[in-house]
Amino acid sequence: MYVGTLSFDLLLGDVRSLKEKRSVVRPIVAELHRKYAVSVAETGEQDLYRRAHIGLAAVSGEAGHLTEVLDRCERLVAARPEVELLSVRRRIHGDDDE
């Protein structure tokens, strides 16, 4: 079994309130969950309206499949024109990890 996580640090474009922030972040979270069946949530910077942290986790029986899913998720977020992807942190844990 392999568990992979992604942590996205995002800078939001023309957003002037927390309500506008939610209207940008929620569709991204929903699309990741719907398209790739991953667990995903906004995990930080909830009080700042131009920044967002999104955390994502996935489980697979094969490391190659997990890597492919994480790559697709990263490409989806990076392609969104309303956000700038500042950084991505990726971790993959396998059964042989301590």
N, C-alpha and C. Protein backbone atom coordinates (compact mmCIF):
# COMPACT_ATOMS: atom_id res chain seq x y z
N MET A 1 0.84 -1.18 0.00
CA MET A 1 0.00 0.00 0.00
C MET A 1 0.88 1.24 0.00
N TYR A 2 0.47 2.22 -0.78
CA TYR A 2 1.19 3.49 -0.87
C TYR A 2 0.22 4.64 -0.59
N VAL A 3 0.70 5.59 0.20
CA VAL A 3 -0.08 6.78 0.53
C VAL A 3 0.69 7.98 0.03
N GLY A 4 0.02 8.83 -0.73
CA GLY A 4 0.66 10.03 -1.25
C GLY A 4 -0.08 11.28 -0.83
N THR A 5 0.68 12.33 -0.58
CA THR A 5 0.07 13.61 -0.21
C THR A 5 0.66 14.73 -1.06
N LEU A 6 -0.16 15.72 -1.31
CA LEU A 6 0.27 16.96 -1.95
C LEU A 6 -0.19 18.12 -1.08
N SER A 7 0.67 19.10 -0.92
CA SER A 7 0.31 20.35 -0.23
C SER A 7 0.55 21.49 -1.20
N PHE A 8 -0.51 22.20 -1.54
CA PHE A 8 -0.43 23.31 -2.48
C PHE A 8 -0.44 24.63 -1.73
N ASP A 9 0.44 25.53 -2.09
CA ASP A 9 0.43 26.90 -1.59
C ASP A 9 0.03 27.77 -2.77
N LEU A 10 -1.12 28.43 -2.66
CA LEU A 10 -1.69 29.18 -3.78
C LEU A 10 -1.78 30.66 -3.47
N LEU A 11 -1.56 31.46 -4.50
CA LEU A 11 -1.83 32.88 -4.46
C LEU A 11 -3.03 33.11 -5.36
N LEU A 12 -4.08 33.68 -4.80
CA LEU A 12 -5.31 33.88 -5.55
C LEU A 12 -5.25 35.21 -6.29
N GLY A 13 -5.85 35.25 -7.46
CA GLY A 13 -5.82 36.44 -8.32
C GLY A 13 -6.63 37.59 -7.77
N ASP A 14 -7.59 38.03 -8.51
CA ASP A 14 -8.39 39.21 -8.18
C ASP A 14 -9.45 38.86 -7.14
N VAL A 15 -9.02 38.68 -5.91
CA VAL A 15 -9.92 38.32 -4.81
C VAL A 15 -9.81 39.41 -3.74
N ARG A 16 -10.98 39.92 -3.31
CA ARG A 16 -10.98 41.03 -2.35
C ARG A 16 -11.69 40.72 -1.05
N SER A 17 -12.15 39.47 -0.89
CA SER A 17 -12.85 39.12 0.34
C SER A 17 -12.75 37.62 0.58
N LEU A 18 -13.07 37.20 1.78
CA LEU A 18 -13.09 35.76 2.08
C LEU A 18 -14.19 35.05 1.31
N LYS A 19 -15.28 35.75 1.06
CA LYS A 19 -16.37 35.15 0.28
C LYS A 19 -15.91 34.88 -1.16
N GLU A 20 -15.21 35.81 -1.75
CA GLU A 20 -14.66 35.59 -3.09
C GLU A 20 -13.63 34.46 -3.08
N LYS A 21 -12.85 34.41 -2.01
CA LYS A 21 -11.86 33.33 -1.88
C LYS A 21 -12.55 31.98 -1.91
N ARG A 22 -13.62 31.83 -1.14
CA ARG A 22 -14.36 30.56 -1.12
C ARG A 22 -14.88 30.20 -2.50
N SER A 23 -15.29 31.21 -3.28
CA SER A 23 -15.82 30.94 -4.61
C SER A 23 -14.73 30.48 -5.59
N VAL A 24 -13.47 30.69 -5.24
CA VAL A 24 -12.36 30.20 -6.05
C VAL A 24 -11.87 28.84 -5.55
N VAL A 25 -11.72 28.71 -4.24
CA VAL A 25 -11.12 27.51 -3.64
C VAL A 25 -12.08 26.32 -3.68
N ARG A 26 -13.33 26.52 -3.35
CA ARG A 26 -14.28 25.39 -3.31
C ARG A 26 -14.40 24.63 -4.62
N PRO A 27 -14.50 25.30 -5.76
CA PRO A 27 -14.57 24.54 -7.02
C PRO A 27 -13.31 23.72 -7.30
N ILE A 28 -12.15 24.22 -6.91
CA ILE A 28 -10.91 23.47 -7.10
C ILE A 28 -10.94 22.21 -6.25
N VAL A 29 -11.30 22.35 -4.99
CA VAL A 29 -11.39 21.21 -4.07
C VAL A 29 -12.40 20.19 -4.58
N ALA A 30 -13.57 20.67 -5.01
CA ALA A 30 -14.62 19.77 -5.50
C ALA A 30 -14.19 19.03 -6.76
N GLU A 31 -13.53 19.72 -7.67
CA GLU A 31 -13.11 19.09 -8.92
C GLU A 31 -12.04 18.02 -8.67
N LEU A 32 -11.09 18.31 -7.80
CA LEU A 32 -10.07 17.30 -7.46
C LEU A 32 -10.72 16.05 -6.87
N HIS A 33 -11.66 16.26 -5.95
CA HIS A 33 -12.35 15.13 -5.32
C HIS A 33 -13.17 14.33 -6.33
N ARG A 34 -13.89 15.03 -7.17
CA ARG A 34 -14.77 14.38 -8.14
C ARG A 34 -13.98 13.64 -9.23
N LYS A 35 -12.97 14.29 -9.81
CA LYS A 35 -12.24 13.71 -10.93
C LYS A 35 -11.30 12.58 -10.53
N TYR A 36 -10.68 12.70 -9.36
CA TYR A 36 -9.61 11.76 -9.02
C TYR A 36 -9.87 10.95 -7.75
N ALA A 37 -11.01 11.11 -7.13
CA ALA A 37 -11.39 10.35 -5.94
C ALA A 37 -10.33 10.42 -4.85
N VAL A 38 -9.83 11.62 -4.61
CA VAL A 38 -8.84 11.85 -3.57
C VAL A 38 -9.51 12.59 -2.41
N SER A 39 -8.89 12.52 -1.25
CA SER A 39 -9.35 13.32 -0.12
C SER A 39 -8.65 14.67 -0.22
N VAL A 40 -9.42 15.73 -0.15
CA VAL A 40 -8.85 17.07 -0.36
C VAL A 40 -9.61 18.08 0.47
N ALA A 41 -8.88 19.07 1.01
CA ALA A 41 -9.50 20.12 1.82
C ALA A 41 -8.60 21.35 1.85
N GLU A 42 -9.21 22.48 2.13
CA GLU A 42 -8.42 23.68 2.40
C GLU A 42 -7.84 23.51 3.80
N THR A 43 -6.53 23.61 3.92
CA THR A 43 -5.88 23.24 5.18
C THR A 43 -5.17 24.39 5.88
N GLY A 44 -5.15 25.56 5.29
CA GLY A 44 -4.47 26.66 5.96
C GLY A 44 -4.78 27.99 5.32
N GLU A 45 -4.34 29.04 5.99
CA GLU A 45 -4.52 30.42 5.52
C GLU A 45 -5.98 30.78 5.33
N GLN A 46 -6.87 30.23 6.17
CA GLN A 46 -8.29 30.52 6.02
C GLN A 46 -8.64 31.97 6.29
N ASP A 47 -7.81 32.67 7.05
CA ASP A 47 -8.13 34.06 7.38
C ASP A 47 -7.52 35.07 6.40
N LEU A 48 -6.70 34.60 5.46
CA LEU A 48 -6.12 35.48 4.44
C LEU A 48 -6.86 35.29 3.13
N TYR A 49 -7.33 36.36 2.52
CA TYR A 49 -8.18 36.18 1.35
C TYR A 49 -7.43 36.03 0.04
N ARG A 50 -6.12 36.31 -0.01
CA ARG A 50 -5.39 36.13 -1.27
C ARG A 50 -4.48 34.90 -1.26
N ARG A 51 -4.45 34.17 -0.15
CA ARG A 51 -3.61 32.97 -0.05
C ARG A 51 -4.48 31.79 0.34
N ALA A 52 -4.07 30.61 -0.10
CA ALA A 52 -4.79 29.38 0.27
C ALA A 52 -3.80 28.23 0.30
N HIS A 53 -4.01 27.34 1.24
CA HIS A 53 -3.29 26.07 1.29
C HIS A 53 -4.32 24.97 1.09
N ILE A 54 -4.03 24.06 0.19
CA ILE A 54 -4.91 22.92 -0.05
C ILE A 54 -4.09 21.66 0.17
N GLY A 55 -4.64 20.73 0.96
CA GLY A 55 -4.00 19.45 1.20
C GLY A 55 -4.78 18.34 0.53
N LEU A 56 -4.06 17.35 0.03
CA LEU A 56 -4.66 16.27 -0.75
C LEU A 56 -3.98 14.96 -0.35
N ALA A 57 -4.76 13.89 -0.25
CA ALA A 57 -4.20 12.57 0.06
C ALA A 57 -4.87 11.52 -0.82
N ALA A 58 -4.07 10.51 -1.20
CA ALA A 58 -4.57 9.40 -2.01
C ALA A 58 -3.87 8.11 -1.59
N VAL A 59 -4.56 7.00 -1.78
CA VAL A 59 -4.03 5.68 -1.44
C VAL A 59 -4.13 4.80 -2.67
N SER A 60 -3.07 3.98 -2.90
CA SER A 60 -3.07 3.07 -4.03
C SER A 60 -2.24 1.84 -3.70
N GLY A 61 -2.50 0.78 -4.41
CA GLY A 61 -1.74 -0.45 -4.24
C GLY A 61 -0.44 -0.44 -5.01
N GLU A 62 -0.29 0.51 -5.94
CA GLU A 62 0.90 0.59 -6.78
C GLU A 62 1.49 2.00 -6.75
N ALA A 63 2.78 2.09 -6.59
CA ALA A 63 3.46 3.39 -6.53
C ALA A 63 3.30 4.15 -7.84
N GLY A 64 3.38 3.45 -8.98
CA GLY A 64 3.25 4.11 -10.28
C GLY A 64 1.90 4.75 -10.48
N HIS A 65 0.85 4.04 -10.08
CA HIS A 65 -0.51 4.58 -10.20
C HIS A 65 -0.67 5.80 -9.30
N LEU A 66 -0.14 5.72 -8.10
CA LEU A 66 -0.24 6.83 -7.16
C LEU A 66 0.47 8.07 -7.72
N THR A 67 1.65 7.88 -8.25
CA THR A 67 2.41 8.98 -8.84
C THR A 67 1.63 9.62 -9.99
N GLU A 68 1.00 8.79 -10.81
CA GLU A 68 0.20 9.29 -11.93
C GLU A 68 -0.97 10.15 -11.44
N VAL A 69 -1.67 9.69 -10.42
CA VAL A 69 -2.80 10.44 -9.86
C VAL A 69 -2.32 11.77 -9.29
N LEU A 70 -1.23 11.75 -8.53
CA LEU A 70 -0.71 12.99 -7.94
C LEU A 70 -0.26 13.96 -9.03
N ASP A 71 0.37 13.44 -10.10
CA ASP A 71 0.77 14.30 -11.22
C ASP A 71 -0.44 14.97 -11.86
N ARG A 72 -1.50 14.21 -12.06
CA ARG A 72 -2.71 14.78 -12.68
C ARG A 72 -3.33 15.85 -11.79
N CYS A 73 -3.36 15.61 -10.49
CA CYS A 73 -3.90 16.59 -9.56
C CYS A 73 -3.07 17.88 -9.58
N GLU A 74 -1.77 17.72 -9.60
CA GLU A 74 -0.90 18.90 -9.64
C GLU A 74 -1.10 19.69 -10.94
N ARG A 75 -1.21 19.00 -12.05
CA ARG A 75 -1.44 19.68 -13.33
C ARG A 75 -2.78 20.42 -13.35
N LEU A 76 -3.81 19.81 -12.75
CA LEU A 76 -5.12 20.45 -12.71
C LEU A 76 -5.04 21.78 -11.96
N VAL A 77 -4.40 21.77 -10.79
CA VAL A 77 -4.31 23.00 -10.00
C VAL A 77 -3.44 24.03 -10.72
N ALA A 78 -2.32 23.60 -11.28
CA ALA A 78 -1.41 24.52 -11.96
C ALA A 78 -2.07 25.17 -13.19
N ALA A 79 -3.02 24.49 -13.80
CA ALA A 79 -3.67 25.00 -15.01
C ALA A 79 -4.79 25.99 -14.72
N ARG A 80 -5.18 26.13 -13.46
CA ARG A 80 -6.27 27.04 -13.14
C ARG A 80 -5.80 28.49 -13.31
N PRO A 81 -6.47 29.27 -14.17
CA PRO A 81 -6.00 30.63 -14.43
C PRO A 81 -6.23 31.60 -13.27
N GLU A 82 -7.14 31.28 -12.37
CA GLU A 82 -7.47 32.20 -11.28
C GLU A 82 -6.53 32.08 -10.09
N VAL A 83 -5.60 31.12 -10.13
CA VAL A 83 -4.64 30.96 -9.03
C VAL A 83 -3.23 30.86 -9.59
N GLU A 84 -2.28 31.27 -8.76
CA GLU A 84 -0.87 31.07 -9.07
C GLU A 84 -0.33 30.04 -8.09
N LEU A 85 0.23 28.97 -8.60
CA LEU A 85 0.77 27.91 -7.77
C LEU A 85 2.16 28.31 -7.31
N LEU A 86 2.27 28.66 -6.02
CA LEU A 86 3.55 29.11 -5.47
C LEU A 86 4.48 27.95 -5.16
N SER A 87 3.92 26.88 -4.59
CA SER A 87 4.75 25.71 -4.29
C SER A 87 3.86 24.49 -4.11
N VAL A 88 4.49 23.33 -4.31
CA VAL A 88 3.83 22.05 -4.10
C VAL A 88 4.78 21.17 -3.31
N ARG A 89 4.28 20.55 -2.28
CA ARG A 89 5.08 19.60 -1.51
C ARG A 89 4.46 18.23 -1.69
N ARG A 90 5.27 17.27 -2.12
CA ARG A 90 4.79 15.91 -2.39
C ARG A 90 5.50 14.93 -1.47
N ARG A 91 4.70 14.01 -0.93
CA ARG A 91 5.26 12.93 -0.12
C ARG A 91 4.56 11.63 -0.51
N ILE A 92 5.37 10.57 -0.62
CA ILE A 92 4.82 9.23 -0.87
C ILE A 92 5.40 8.30 0.18
N HIS A 93 4.51 7.59 0.86
CA HIS A 93 4.90 6.64 1.89
C HIS A 93 4.47 5.24 1.46
N GLY A 94 5.37 4.28 1.62
CA GLY A 94 5.07 2.88 1.28
C GLY A 94 5.12 1.99 2.50
N ASP A 95 4.78 0.73 2.31
CA ASP A 95 4.78 -0.23 3.41
C ASP A 95 6.16 -0.40 4.03
N ASP A 96 7.23 -0.17 3.26
CA ASP A 96 8.57 -0.36 3.77
C ASP A 96 9.08 0.84 4.55
N ASP A 97 8.33 1.95 4.60
CA ASP A 97 8.72 3.11 5.38
C ASP A 97 8.54 2.82 6.86
N GLU A 98 9.38 3.44 7.65
CA GLU A 98 9.26 3.26 9.10
C GLU A 98 8.51 4.38 9.72
